[in-house]
């Protein structure tokens, strides 16, 4: 996901220092969330074998669903970044997110009705 390995003496406050038998041996600098989103989008393109903008609507909705589950839209400019990668507008990404929320609500309602019967 784009982490960086450093000598422990170069670790900053936000880095993770790993110790072995009581001695600091390595530090890991985790990427910023925005950088992680870029890595996730690149991995999705590799998985699909083509640019995300070339996916059909259903596939794009699935990508948005997966990204939402991973917290991609909590990142500053996450919606804009994803919209650009998918070749759609921000409005379309929000529609995909809303569609997923509606589907979850329908499943919950159907389950609730089924539990009472």
PDB file of N, CA and C in Angstrom:
ATOM      1  N   UNK A   1       0.811  -1.199   0.000  1.00  0.00           N
ATOM      2  CA  UNK A   1       0.000   0.000   0.000  1.00  0.00           C
ATOM      3  C   UNK A   1       0.848   1.253   0.000  1.00  0.00           C
ATOM      4  N   UNK A   2       2.120   1.119  -0.243  1.00  0.00           N
ATOM      5  CA  UNK A   2       2.925   2.308  -0.391  1.00  0.00           C
ATOM      6  C   UNK A   2       3.677   2.728   0.856  1.00  0.00           C
ATOM      7  N   UNK A   3       3.802   1.839   1.852  1.00  0.00           N
ATOM      8  CA  UNK A   3       4.577   2.162   3.047  1.00  0.00           C
ATOM      9  C   UNK A   3       6.064   2.245   2.708  1.00  0.00           C
ATOM     10  N   UNK A   4       6.807   2.850   3.604  1.00  0.00           N
ATOM     11  CA  UNK A   4       8.241   3.023   3.397  1.00  0.00           C
ATOM     12  C   UNK A   4       8.988   2.501   4.621  1.00  0.00           C
ATOM     13  N   UNK A   5      10.076   1.767   4.398  1.00  0.00           N
ATOM     14  CA  UNK A   5      10.887   1.232   5.492  1.00  0.00           C
ATOM     15  C   UNK A   5      12.062   2.172   5.729  1.00  0.00           C
ATOM     16  N   UNK A   6      12.308   2.459   7.019  1.00  0.00           N
ATOM     17  CA  UNK A   6      13.367   3.391   7.405  1.00  0.00           C
ATOM     18  C   UNK A   6      14.197   2.807   8.536  1.00  0.00           C
ATOM     19  N   UNK A   7      15.422   3.305   8.706  1.00  0.00           N
ATOM     20  CA  UNK A   7      16.163   2.962   9.918  1.00  0.00           C
ATOM     21  C   UNK A   7      15.430   3.566  11.122  1.00  0.00           C
ATOM     22  N   UNK A   8      15.432   2.898  12.258  1.00  0.00           N
ATOM     23  CA  UNK A   8      14.669   3.395  13.408  1.00  0.00           C
ATOM     24  C   UNK A   8      15.067   4.800  13.866  1.00  0.00           C
ATOM     25  N   UNK A   9      16.313   5.191  13.658  1.00  0.00           N
ATOM     26  CA  UNK A   9      16.748   6.517  14.099  1.00  0.00           C
ATOM     27  C   UNK A   9      16.208   7.630  13.197  1.00  0.00           C
ATOM     28  N   UNK A  10      15.611   7.282  12.061  1.00  0.00           N
ATOM     29  CA  UNK A  10      15.024   8.273  11.175  1.00  0.00           C
ATOM     30  C   UNK A  10      13.500   8.335  11.300  1.00  0.00           C
ATOM     31  N   UNK A  11      12.964   7.591  12.246  1.00  0.00           N
ATOM     32  CA  UNK A  11      11.506   7.540  12.426  1.00  0.00           C
ATOM     33  C   UNK A  11      10.985   8.867  12.961  1.00  0.00           C
ATOM     34  N   UNK A  12       9.841   9.266  12.415  1.00  0.00           N
ATOM     35  CA  UNK A  12       9.155  10.454  12.902  1.00  0.00           C
ATOM     36  C   UNK A  12       8.067  10.060  13.893  1.00  0.00           C
ATOM     37  N   UNK A  13       7.349  11.063  14.387  1.00  0.00           N
ATOM     38  CA  UNK A  13       6.305  10.820  15.378  1.00  0.00           C
ATOM     39  C   UNK A  13       5.179   9.929  14.870  1.00  0.00           C
ATOM     40  N   UNK A  14       4.882   9.987  13.583  1.00  0.00           N
ATOM     41  CA  UNK A  14       3.779   9.205  13.018  1.00  0.00           C
ATOM     42  C   UNK A  14       4.207   7.848  12.479  1.00  0.00           C
ATOM     43  N   UNK A  15       5.498   7.543  12.530  1.00  0.00           N
ATOM     44  CA  UNK A  15       5.996   6.273  12.012  1.00  0.00           C
ATOM     45  C   UNK A  15       5.850   5.171  13.066  1.00  0.00           C
ATOM     46  N   UNK A  16       5.824   3.937  12.586  1.00  0.00           N
ATOM     47  CA  UNK A  16       5.717   2.777  13.465  1.00  0.00           C
ATOM     48  C   UNK A  16       7.106   2.162  13.592  1.00  0.00           C
ATOM     49  N   UNK A  17       7.611   2.073  14.823  1.00  0.00           N
ATOM     50  CA  UNK A  17       8.927   1.487  15.061  1.00  0.00           C
ATOM     51  C   UNK A  17       8.720   0.074  15.585  1.00  0.00           C
ATOM     52  N   UNK A  18       9.394  -0.882  14.931  1.00  0.00           N
ATOM     53  CA  UNK A  18       9.281  -2.282  15.312  1.00  0.00           C
ATOM     54  C   UNK A  18      10.534  -2.702  16.068  1.00  0.00           C
ATOM     55  N   UNK A  19      10.309  -3.432  17.139  1.00  0.00           N
ATOM     56  CA  UNK A  19      11.424  -3.868  17.987  1.00  0.00           C
ATOM     57  C   UNK A  19      11.503  -5.395  17.980  1.00  0.00           C
ATOM     58  N   UNK A  20      12.712  -5.885  18.160  1.00  0.00           N
ATOM     59  CA  UNK A  20      12.964  -7.317  18.281  1.00  0.00           C
ATOM     60  C   UNK A  20      13.867  -7.523  19.479  1.00  0.00           C
ATOM     61  N   UNK A  21      13.384  -8.315  20.423  1.00  0.00           N
ATOM     62  CA  UNK A  21      14.124  -8.601  21.649  1.00  0.00           C
ATOM     63  C   UNK A  21      14.582  -7.310  22.334  1.00  0.00           C
ATOM     64  N   UNK A  22      13.663  -6.363  22.410  1.00  0.00           N
ATOM     65  CA  UNK A  22      13.907  -5.131  23.137  1.00  0.00           C
ATOM     66  C   UNK A  22      14.720  -4.084  22.410  1.00  0.00           C
ATOM     67  N   UNK A  23      15.056  -4.317  21.162  1.00  0.00           N
ATOM     68  CA  UNK A  23      15.877  -3.367  20.407  1.00  0.00           C
ATOM     69  C   UNK A  23      15.115  -2.923  19.164  1.00  0.00           C
ATOM     70  N   UNK A  24      15.069  -1.596  18.912  1.00  0.00           N
ATOM     71  CA  UNK A  24      14.424  -1.067  17.713  1.00  0.00           C
ATOM     72  C   UNK A  24      15.226  -1.511  16.494  1.00  0.00           C
ATOM     73  N   UNK A  25      14.537  -2.159  15.535  1.00  0.00           N
ATOM     74  CA  UNK A  25      15.254  -2.681  14.375  1.00  0.00           C
ATOM     75  C   UNK A  25      14.829  -2.045  13.058  1.00  0.00           C
ATOM     76  N   UNK A  26      13.612  -1.551  12.993  1.00  0.00           N
ATOM     77  CA  UNK A  26      13.131  -0.994  11.735  1.00  0.00           C
ATOM     78  C   UNK A  26      11.961  -0.052  12.019  1.00  0.00           C
ATOM     79  N   UNK A  27      11.781   0.902  11.139  1.00  0.00           N
ATOM     80  CA  UNK A  27      10.633   1.800  11.234  1.00  0.00           C
ATOM     81  C   UNK A  27       9.856   1.723   9.926  1.00  0.00           C
ATOM     82  N   UNK A  28       8.557   1.885  10.041  1.00  0.00           N
ATOM     83  CA  UNK A  28       7.692   1.865   8.863  1.00  0.00           C
ATOM     84  C   UNK A  28       6.929   3.180   8.810  1.00  0.00           C
ATOM     85  N   UNK A  29       7.026   3.840   7.677  1.00  0.00           N
ATOM     86  CA  UNK A  29       6.282   5.079   7.463  1.00  0.00           C
ATOM     87  C   UNK A  29       5.084   4.719   6.598  1.00  0.00           C
ATOM     88  N   UNK A  30       3.920   4.823   7.198  1.00  0.00           N
ATOM     89  CA  UNK A  30       2.692   4.508   6.483  1.00  0.00           C
ATOM     90  C   UNK A  30       2.322   5.661   5.569  1.00  0.00           C
ATOM     91  N   UNK A  31       1.728   5.353   4.430  1.00  0.00           N
ATOM     92  CA  UNK A  31       1.363   6.425   3.502  1.00  0.00           C
ATOM     93  C   UNK A  31       0.183   7.221   4.033  1.00  0.00           C
ATOM     94  N   UNK A  32       0.053   8.423   3.541  1.00  0.00           N
ATOM     95  CA  UNK A  32      -1.126   9.215   3.842  1.00  0.00           C
ATOM     96  C   UNK A  32      -2.325   8.529   3.193  1.00  0.00           C
ATOM     97  N   UNK A  33      -3.505   8.717   3.742  1.00  0.00           N
ATOM     98  CA  UNK A  33      -4.689   8.064   3.195  1.00  0.00           C
ATOM     99  C   UNK A  33      -4.905   8.404   1.723  1.00  0.00           C
ATOM    100  N   UNK A  34      -4.641   9.629   1.338  1.00  0.00           N
ATOM    101  CA  UNK A  34      -4.833  10.013  -0.063  1.00  0.00           C
ATOM    102  C   UNK A  34      -3.903   9.212  -0.965  1.00  0.00           C
ATOM    103  N   UNK A  35      -2.667   8.982  -0.524  1.00  0.00           N
ATOM    104  CA  UNK A  35      -1.735   8.159  -1.300  1.00  0.00           C
ATOM    105  C   UNK A  35      -2.242   6.728  -1.386  1.00  0.00           C
ATOM    106  N   UNK A  36      -2.812   6.239  -0.291  1.00  0.00           N
ATOM    107  CA  UNK A  36      -3.352   4.884  -0.285  1.00  0.00           C
ATOM    108  C   UNK A  36      -4.481   4.747  -1.298  1.00  0.00           C
ATOM    109  N   UNK A  37      -5.312   5.755  -1.423  1.00  0.00           N
ATOM    110  CA  UNK A  37      -6.407   5.712  -2.377  1.00  0.00           C
ATOM    111  C   UNK A  37      -5.861   5.569  -3.797  1.00  0.00           C
ATOM    112  N   UNK A  38      -4.807   6.296  -4.109  1.00  0.00           N
ATOM    113  CA  UNK A  38      -4.188   6.171  -5.431  1.00  0.00           C
ATOM    114  C   UNK A  38      -3.680   4.745  -5.658  1.00  0.00           C
ATOM    115  N   UNK A  39      -3.092   4.147  -4.624  1.00  0.00           N
ATOM    116  CA  UNK A  39      -2.606   2.765  -4.733  1.00  0.00           C
ATOM    117  C   UNK A  39      -3.765   1.789  -4.926  1.00  0.00           C
ATOM    118  N   UNK A  40      -4.847   2.016  -4.200  1.00  0.00           N
ATOM    119  CA  UNK A  40      -6.025   1.146  -4.324  1.00  0.00           C
ATOM    120  C   UNK A  40      -6.604   1.241  -5.729  1.00  0.00           C
ATOM    121  N   UNK A  41      -6.725   2.452  -6.251  1.00  0.00           N
ATOM    122  CA  UNK A  41      -7.256   2.635  -7.608  1.00  0.00           C
ATOM    123  C   UNK A  41      -6.363   1.967  -8.645  1.00  0.00           C
ATOM    124  N   UNK A  42      -5.053   2.085  -8.486  1.00  0.00           N
ATOM    125  CA  UNK A  42      -4.121   1.431  -9.418  1.00  0.00           C
ATOM    126  C   UNK A  42      -4.264  -0.090  -9.340  1.00  0.00           C
ATOM    127  N   UNK A  43      -4.437  -0.618  -8.129  1.00  0.00           N
ATOM    128  CA  UNK A  43      -4.615  -2.065  -7.963  1.00  0.00           C
ATOM    129  C   UNK A  43      -5.920  -2.528  -8.611  1.00  0.00           C
ATOM    130  N   UNK A  44      -6.970  -1.721  -8.499  1.00  0.00           N
ATOM    131  CA  UNK A  44      -8.240  -2.068  -9.137  1.00  0.00           C
ATOM    132  C   UNK A  44      -8.111  -2.085 -10.657  1.00  0.00           C
ATOM    133  N   UNK A  45      -7.355  -1.158 -11.196  1.00  0.00           N
ATOM    134  CA  UNK A  45      -7.132  -1.159 -12.646  1.00  0.00           C
ATOM    135  C   UNK A  45      -6.386  -2.417 -13.070  1.00  0.00           C
ATOM    136  N   UNK A  46      -5.387  -2.815 -12.286  1.00  0.00           N
ATOM    137  CA  UNK A  46      -4.660  -4.044 -12.614  1.00  0.00           C
ATOM    138  C   UNK A  46      -5.594  -5.252 -12.529  1.00  0.00           C
ATOM    139  N   UNK A  47      -6.435  -5.271 -11.503  1.00  0.00           N
ATOM    140  CA  UNK A  47      -7.373  -6.381 -11.311  1.00  0.00           C
ATOM    141  C   UNK A  47      -8.336  -6.505 -12.494  1.00  0.00           C
ATOM    142  N   UNK A  48      -8.851  -5.386 -12.957  1.00  0.00           N
ATOM    143  CA  UNK A  48      -9.811  -5.387 -14.059  1.00  0.00           C
ATOM    144  C   UNK A  48      -9.133  -5.468 -15.426  1.00  0.00           C
ATOM    145  N   UNK A  49      -7.840  -5.203 -15.465  1.00  0.00           N
ATOM    146  CA  UNK A  49      -7.098  -5.301 -16.720  1.00  0.00           C
ATOM    147  C   UNK A  49      -7.342  -4.163 -17.687  1.00  0.00           C
ATOM    148  N   UNK A  50      -7.904  -3.089 -17.191  1.00  0.00           N
ATOM    149  CA  UNK A  50      -8.148  -1.923 -18.044  1.00  0.00           C
ATOM    150  C   UNK A  50      -8.411  -0.719 -17.151  1.00  0.00           C
ATOM    151  N   UNK A  51      -8.344   0.491 -17.732  1.00  0.00           N
ATOM    152  CA  UNK A  51      -8.643   1.680 -16.927  1.00  0.00           C
ATOM    153  C   UNK A  51     -10.060   1.595 -16.352  1.00  0.00           C
ATOM    154  N   UNK A  52     -10.233   2.101 -15.149  1.00  0.00           N
ATOM    155  CA  UNK A  52     -11.537   2.049 -14.488  1.00  0.00           C
ATOM    156  C   UNK A  52     -12.597   2.808 -15.282  1.00  0.00           C
ATOM    157  N   UNK A  53     -12.183   3.808 -16.018  1.00  0.00           N
ATOM    158  CA  UNK A  53     -13.127   4.582 -16.829  1.00  0.00           C
ATOM    159  C   UNK A  53     -13.759   3.737 -17.933  1.00  0.00           C
ATOM    160  N   UNK A  54     -13.140   2.606 -18.282  1.00  0.00           N
ATOM    161  CA  UNK A  54     -13.672   1.736 -19.333  1.00  0.00           C
ATOM    162  C   UNK A  54     -14.640   0.675 -18.795  1.00  0.00           C
ATOM    163  N   UNK A  55     -14.833   0.620 -17.483  1.00  0.00           N
ATOM    164  CA  UNK A  55     -15.765  -0.349 -16.912  1.00  0.00           C
ATOM    165  C   UNK A  55     -17.195   0.044 -17.242  1.00  0.00           C
ATOM    166  N   UNK A  56     -18.089  -0.938 -17.244  1.00  0.00           N
ATOM    167  CA  UNK A  56     -19.495  -0.599 -17.439  1.00  0.00           C
ATOM    168  C   UNK A  56     -20.087  -0.066 -16.132  1.00  0.00           C
ATOM    169  N   UNK A  57     -21.317   0.423 -16.210  1.00  0.00           N
ATOM    170  CA  UNK A  57     -21.934   1.076 -15.050  1.00  0.00           C
ATOM    171  C   UNK A  57     -22.002   0.142 -13.843  1.00  0.00           C
ATOM    172  N   UNK A  58     -22.395  -1.097 -14.037  1.00  0.00           N
ATOM    173  CA  UNK A  58     -22.520  -2.060 -12.939  1.00  0.00           C
ATOM    174  C   UNK A  58     -21.161  -2.285 -12.261  1.00  0.00           C
ATOM    175  N   UNK A  59     -20.112  -2.421 -13.068  1.00  0.00           N
ATOM    176  CA  UNK A  59     -18.771  -2.609 -12.520  1.00  0.00           C
ATOM    177  C   UNK A  59     -18.316  -1.365 -11.746  1.00  0.00           C
ATOM    178  N   UNK A  60     -18.637  -0.194 -12.263  1.00  0.00           N
ATOM    179  CA  UNK A  60     -18.276   1.043 -11.563  1.00  0.00           C
ATOM    180  C   UNK A  60     -19.009   1.120 -10.225  1.00  0.00           C
ATOM    181  N   UNK A  61     -20.267   0.710 -10.209  1.00  0.00           N
ATOM    182  CA  UNK A  61     -21.021   0.695  -8.952  1.00  0.00           C
ATOM    183  C   UNK A  61     -20.370  -0.252  -7.953  1.00  0.00           C
ATOM    184  N   UNK A  62     -19.893  -1.398  -8.423  1.00  0.00           N
ATOM    185  CA  UNK A  62     -19.220  -2.357  -7.544  1.00  0.00           C
ATOM    186  C   UNK A  62     -17.911  -1.779  -7.007  1.00  0.00           C
ATOM    187  N   UNK A  63     -17.186  -1.063  -7.859  1.00  0.00           N
ATOM    188  CA  UNK A  63     -15.945  -0.418  -7.428  1.00  0.00           C
ATOM    189  C   UNK A  63     -16.256   0.591  -6.323  1.00  0.00           C
ATOM    190  N   UNK A  64     -17.276   1.414  -6.530  1.00  0.00           N
ATOM    191  CA  UNK A  64     -17.650   2.409  -5.525  1.00  0.00           C
ATOM    192  C   UNK A  64     -18.071   1.721  -4.234  1.00  0.00           C
ATOM    193  N   UNK A  65     -18.811   0.639  -4.334  1.00  0.00           N
ATOM    194  CA  UNK A  65     -19.232  -0.108  -3.143  1.00  0.00           C
ATOM    195  C   UNK A  65     -18.014  -0.587  -2.353  1.00  0.00           C
ATOM    196  N   UNK A  66     -17.053  -1.163  -3.054  1.00  0.00           N
ATOM    197  CA  UNK A  66     -15.836  -1.634  -2.383  1.00  0.00           C
ATOM    198  C   UNK A  66     -15.022  -0.509  -1.778  1.00  0.00           C
ATOM    199  N   UNK A  67     -14.922   0.591  -2.505  1.00  0.00           N
ATOM    200  CA  UNK A  67     -14.169   1.740  -1.994  1.00  0.00           C
ATOM    201  C   UNK A  67     -14.851   2.352  -0.786  1.00  0.00           C
ATOM    202  N   UNK A  68     -16.173   2.393  -0.814  1.00  0.00           N
ATOM    203  CA  UNK A  68     -16.903   2.925   0.338  1.00  0.00           C
ATOM    204  C   UNK A  68     -16.637   2.064   1.567  1.00  0.00           C
ATOM    205  N   UNK A  69     -16.651   0.754   1.390  1.00  0.00           N
ATOM    206  CA  UNK A  69     -16.399  -0.164   2.507  1.00  0.00           C
ATOM    207  C   UNK A  69     -14.991   0.026   3.075  1.00  0.00           C
ATOM    208  N   UNK A  70     -14.068   0.454   2.241  1.00  0.00           N
ATOM    209  CA  UNK A  70     -12.683   0.663   2.680  1.00  0.00           C
ATOM    210  C   UNK A  70     -12.442   2.074   3.198  1.00  0.00           C
ATOM    211  N   UNK A  71     -13.467   2.904   3.215  1.00  0.00           N
ATOM    212  CA  UNK A  71     -13.331   4.254   3.757  1.00  0.00           C
ATOM    213  C   UNK A  71     -12.740   5.266   2.804  1.00  0.00           C
ATOM    214  N   UNK A  72     -12.771   4.974   1.526  1.00  0.00           N
ATOM    215  CA  UNK A  72     -12.139   5.855   0.539  1.00  0.00           C
ATOM    216  C   UNK A  72     -12.746   7.245   0.507  1.00  0.00           C
ATOM    217  N   UNK A  73     -14.013   7.349   0.891  1.00  0.00           N
ATOM    218  CA  UNK A  73     -14.676   8.639   0.775  1.00  0.00           C
ATOM    219  C   UNK A  73     -14.549   9.484   2.037  1.00  0.00           C
ATOM    220  N   UNK A  74     -13.800   8.973   3.012  1.00  0.00           N
ATOM    221  CA  UNK A  74     -13.491   9.785   4.188  1.00  0.00           C
ATOM    222  C   UNK A  74     -12.214  10.595   3.955  1.00  0.00           C
ATOM    223  N   UNK A  75     -11.515  10.275   2.877  1.00  0.00           N
ATOM    224  CA  UNK A  75     -10.293  10.985   2.506  1.00  0.00           C
ATOM    225  C   UNK A  75     -10.671  12.299   1.832  1.00  0.00           C
ATOM    226  N   UNK A  76      -9.954  13.345   2.165  1.00  0.00           N
ATOM    227  CA  UNK A  76     -10.208  14.630   1.520  1.00  0.00           C
ATOM    228  C   UNK A  76     -10.084  14.477   0.007  1.00  0.00           C
ATOM    229  N   UNK A  77     -11.056  14.940  -0.714  1.00  0.00           N
ATOM    230  CA  UNK A  77     -11.135  14.851  -2.174  1.00  0.00           C
ATOM    231  C   UNK A  77     -11.272  13.422  -2.679  1.00  0.00           C
ATOM    232  N   UNK A  78     -11.689  12.503  -1.800  1.00  0.00           N
ATOM    233  CA  UNK A  78     -11.848  11.107  -2.195  1.00  0.00           C
ATOM    234  C   UNK A  78     -12.870  10.931  -3.299  1.00  0.00           C
ATOM    235  N   UNK A  79     -14.000  11.606  -3.168  1.00  0.00           N
ATOM    236  CA  UNK A  79     -15.041  11.477  -4.197  1.00  0.00           C
ATOM    237  C   UNK A  79     -14.519  12.000  -5.536  1.00  0.00           C
ATOM    238  N   UNK A  80     -13.839  13.130  -5.515  1.00  0.00           N
ATOM    239  CA  UNK A  80     -13.306  13.703  -6.743  1.00  0.00           C
ATOM    240  C   UNK A  80     -12.268  12.781  -7.374  1.00  0.00           C
ATOM    241  N   UNK A  81     -11.400  12.201  -6.544  1.00  0.00           N
ATOM    242  CA  UNK A  81     -10.356  11.304  -7.036  1.00  0.00           C
ATOM    243  C   UNK A  81     -10.969  10.073  -7.695  1.00  0.00           C
ATOM    244  N   UNK A  82     -11.954   9.496  -7.030  1.00  0.00           N
ATOM    245  CA  UNK A  82     -12.614   8.302  -7.568  1.00  0.00           C
ATOM    246  C   UNK A  82     -13.390   8.653  -8.833  1.00  0.00           C
ATOM    247  N   UNK A  83     -14.104   9.773  -8.814  1.00  0.00           N
ATOM    248  CA  UNK A  83     -14.862  10.187 -10.000  1.00  0.00           C
ATOM    249  C   UNK A  83     -13.935  10.340 -11.203  1.00  0.00           C
ATOM    250  N   UNK A  84     -12.803  10.948 -10.994  1.00  0.00           N
ATOM    251  CA  UNK A  84     -11.840  11.135 -12.079  1.00  0.00           C
ATOM    252  C   UNK A  84     -11.349   9.788 -12.606  1.00  0.00           C
ATOM    253  N   UNK A  85     -11.032   8.864 -11.706  1.00  0.00           N
ATOM    254  CA  UNK A  85     -10.544   7.543 -12.116  1.00  0.00           C
ATOM    255  C   UNK A  85     -11.615   6.773 -12.879  1.00  0.00           C
ATOM    256  N   UNK A  86     -12.878   6.932 -12.477  1.00  0.00           N
ATOM    257  CA  UNK A  86     -13.975   6.218 -13.126  1.00  0.00           C
ATOM    258  C   UNK A  86     -14.468   6.910 -14.392  1.00  0.00           C
ATOM    259  N   UNK A  87     -14.024   8.148 -14.609  1.00  0.00           N
ATOM    260  CA  UNK A  87     -14.477   8.896 -15.777  1.00  0.00           C
ATOM    261  C   UNK A  87     -15.926   9.339 -15.666  1.00  0.00           C
ATOM    262  N   UNK A  88     -16.351   9.633 -14.427  1.00  0.00           N
ATOM    263  CA  UNK A  88     -17.719  10.084 -14.182  1.00  0.00           C
ATOM    264  C   UNK A  88     -17.673  11.360 -13.353  1.00  0.00           C
ATOM    265  N   UNK A  89     -18.830  11.951 -13.123  1.00  0.00           N
ATOM    266  CA  UNK A  89     -18.894  13.159 -12.304  1.00  0.00           C
ATOM    267  C   UNK A  89     -18.967  12.800 -10.822  1.00  0.00           C
ATOM    268  N   UNK A  90     -18.699  13.787  -9.983  1.00  0.00           N
ATOM    269  CA  UNK A  90     -18.873  13.605  -8.533  1.00  0.00           C
ATOM    270  C   UNK A  90     -20.318  13.228  -8.240  1.00  0.00           C
ATOM    271  N   UNK A  91     -21.240  13.869  -8.938  1.00  0.00           N
ATOM    272  CA  UNK A  91     -22.659  13.608  -8.760  1.00  0.00           C
ATOM    273  C   UNK A  91     -22.964  12.126  -8.991  1.00  0.00           C
ATOM    274  N   UNK A  92     -22.354  11.538 -10.012  1.00  0.00           N
ATOM    275  CA  UNK A  92     -22.563  10.119 -10.310  1.00  0.00           C
ATOM    276  C   UNK A  92     -22.026   9.245  -9.179  1.00  0.00           C
ATOM    277  N   UNK A  93     -20.854   9.587  -8.649  1.00  0.00           N
ATOM    278  CA  UNK A  93     -20.307   8.802  -7.525  1.00  0.00           C
ATOM    279  C   UNK A  93     -21.254   8.883  -6.337  1.00  0.00           C
ATOM    280  N   UNK A  94     -21.763  10.074  -6.038  1.00  0.00           N
ATOM    281  CA  UNK A  94     -22.726  10.204  -4.938  1.00  0.00           C
ATOM    282  C   UNK A  94     -23.986   9.388  -5.219  1.00  0.00           C
ATOM    283  N   UNK A  95     -24.423   9.353  -6.471  1.00  0.00           N
ATOM    284  CA  UNK A  95     -25.582   8.525  -6.821  1.00  0.00           C
ATOM    285  C   UNK A  95     -25.290   7.044  -6.573  1.00  0.00           C
ATOM    286  N   UNK A  96     -24.090   6.596  -6.929  1.00  0.00           N
ATOM    287  CA  UNK A  96     -23.713   5.199  -6.684  1.00  0.00           C
ATOM    288  C   UNK A  96     -23.706   4.906  -5.186  1.00  0.00           C
ATOM    289  N   UNK A  97     -23.180   5.827  -4.391  1.00  0.00           N
ATOM    290  CA  UNK A  97     -23.149   5.647  -2.924  1.00  0.00           C
ATOM    291  C   UNK A  97     -24.577   5.594  -2.397  1.00  0.00           C
ATOM    292  N   UNK A  98     -25.415   6.519  -2.836  1.00  0.00           N
ATOM    293  CA  UNK A  98     -26.816   6.529  -2.389  1.00  0.00           C
ATOM    294  C   UNK A  98     -27.540   5.260  -2.804  1.00  0.00           C
ATOM    295  N   UNK A  99     -27.263   4.766  -4.003  1.00  0.00           N
ATOM    296  CA  UNK A  99     -27.879   3.532  -4.476  1.00  0.00           C
ATOM    297  C   UNK A  99     -27.516   2.370  -3.541  1.00  0.00           C
ATOM    298  N   UNK A 100     -26.243   2.299  -3.145  1.00  0.00           N
ATOM    299  CA  UNK A 100     -25.811   1.227  -2.229  1.00  0.00           C
ATOM    300  C   UNK A 100     -26.529   1.342  -0.890  1.00  0.00           C
ATOM    301  N   UNK A 101     -26.672   2.563  -0.387  1.00  0.00           N
ATOM    302  CA  UNK A 101     -27.373   2.767   0.885  1.00  0.00           C
ATOM    303  C   UNK A 101     -28.836   2.343   0.770  1.00  0.00           C
ATOM    304  N   UNK A 102     -29.465   2.658  -0.357  1.00  0.00           N
ATOM    305  CA  UNK A 102     -30.856   2.257  -0.575  1.00  0.00           C
ATOM    306  C   UNK A 102     -30.985   0.734  -0.613  1.00  0.00           C
ATOM    307  N   UNK A 103     -30.037   0.075  -1.271  1.00  0.00           N
ATOM    308  CA  UNK A 103     -30.076  -1.396  -1.345  1.00  0.00           C
ATOM    309  C   UNK A 103     -29.907  -2.022   0.035  1.00  0.00           C
ATOM    310  N   UNK A 104     -29.019  -1.470   0.844  1.00  0.00           N
ATOM    311  CA  UNK A 104     -28.840  -1.975   2.224  1.00  0.00           C
ATOM    312  C   UNK A 104     -30.115  -1.788   3.028  1.00  0.00           C
ATOM    313  N   UNK A 105     -30.752  -0.626   2.885  1.00  0.00           N
ATOM    314  CA  UNK A 105     -31.991  -0.351   3.614  1.00  0.00           C
ATOM    315  C   UNK A 105     -33.089  -1.321   3.188  1.00  0.00           C
ATOM    316  N   UNK A 106     -33.195  -1.606   1.900  1.00  0.00           N
ATOM    317  CA  UNK A 106     -34.196  -2.555   1.413  1.00  0.00           C
ATOM    318  C   UNK A 106     -33.952  -3.947   1.988  1.00  0.00           C
ATOM    319  N   UNK A 107     -32.683  -4.365   2.037  1.00  0.00           N
ATOM    320  CA  UNK A 107     -32.366  -5.689   2.598  1.00  0.00           C
ATOM    321  C   UNK A 107     -32.707  -5.747   4.083  1.00  0.00           C
ATOM    322  N   UNK A 108     -32.403  -4.666   4.805  1.00  0.00           N
ATOM    323  CA  UNK A 108     -32.732  -4.630   6.246  1.00  0.00           C
ATOM    324  C   UNK A 108     -34.237  -4.700   6.441  1.00  0.00           C
ATOM    325  N   UNK A 109     -34.990  -3.927   5.645  1.00  0.00           N
ATOM    326  CA  UNK A 109     -36.447  -3.924   5.763  1.00  0.00           C
ATOM    327  C   UNK A 109     -37.032  -5.285   5.424  1.00  0.00           C
ATOM    328  N   UNK A 110     -36.520  -5.904   4.381  1.00  0.00           N
ATOM    329  CA  UNK A 110     -37.012  -7.226   3.983  1.00  0.00           C
ATOM    330  C   UNK A 110     -36.710  -8.244   5.075  1.00  0.00           C
ATOM    331  N   UNK A 111     -35.542  -8.138   5.654  1.00  0.00           N
ATOM    332  CA  UNK A 111     -35.165  -9.071   6.731  1.00  0.00           C
ATOM    333  C   UNK A 111     -36.056  -8.847   7.945  1.00  0.00           C
ATOM    334  N   UNK A 112     -36.326  -7.593   8.277  1.00  0.00           N
ATOM    335  CA  UNK A 112     -37.197  -7.286   9.416  1.00  0.00           C
ATOM    336  C   UNK A 112     -38.600  -7.831   9.203  1.00  0.00           C
ATOM    337  N   UNK A 113     -39.120  -7.671   8.016  1.00  0.00           N
ATOM    338  CA  UNK A 113     -40.448  -8.196   7.711  1.00  0.00           C
ATOM    339  C   UNK A 113     -40.441  -9.722   7.789  1.00  0.00           C
ATOM    340  N   UNK A 114     -39.403 -10.335   7.322  1.00  0.00           N
ATOM    341  CA  UNK A 114     -39.295 -11.803   7.350  1.00  0.00           C
ATOM    342  C   UNK A 114     -39.153 -12.339   8.754  1.00  0.00           C
ATOM    343  N   UNK A 115     -38.489 -11.589   9.640  1.00  0.00           N
ATOM    344  CA  UNK A 115     -38.295 -12.030  11.017  1.00  0.00           C
ATOM    345  C   UNK A 115     -39.599 -12.016  11.791  1.00  0.00           C
ATOM    346  N   UNK A 116     -40.530 -11.134  11.426  1.00  0.00           N
ATOM    347  CA  UNK A 116     -41.792 -11.001  12.164  1.00  0.00           C
ATOM    348  C   UNK A 116     -42.814 -12.054  11.744  1.00  0.00           C
ATOM    349  N   UNK A 117     -42.660 -12.590  10.560  1.00  0.00           N
ATOM    350  CA  UNK A 117     -43.668 -13.516  10.048  1.00  0.00           C
ATOM    351  C   UNK A 117     -43.434 -14.932  10.532  1.00  0.00           C
TER     352      UNK A 117
END
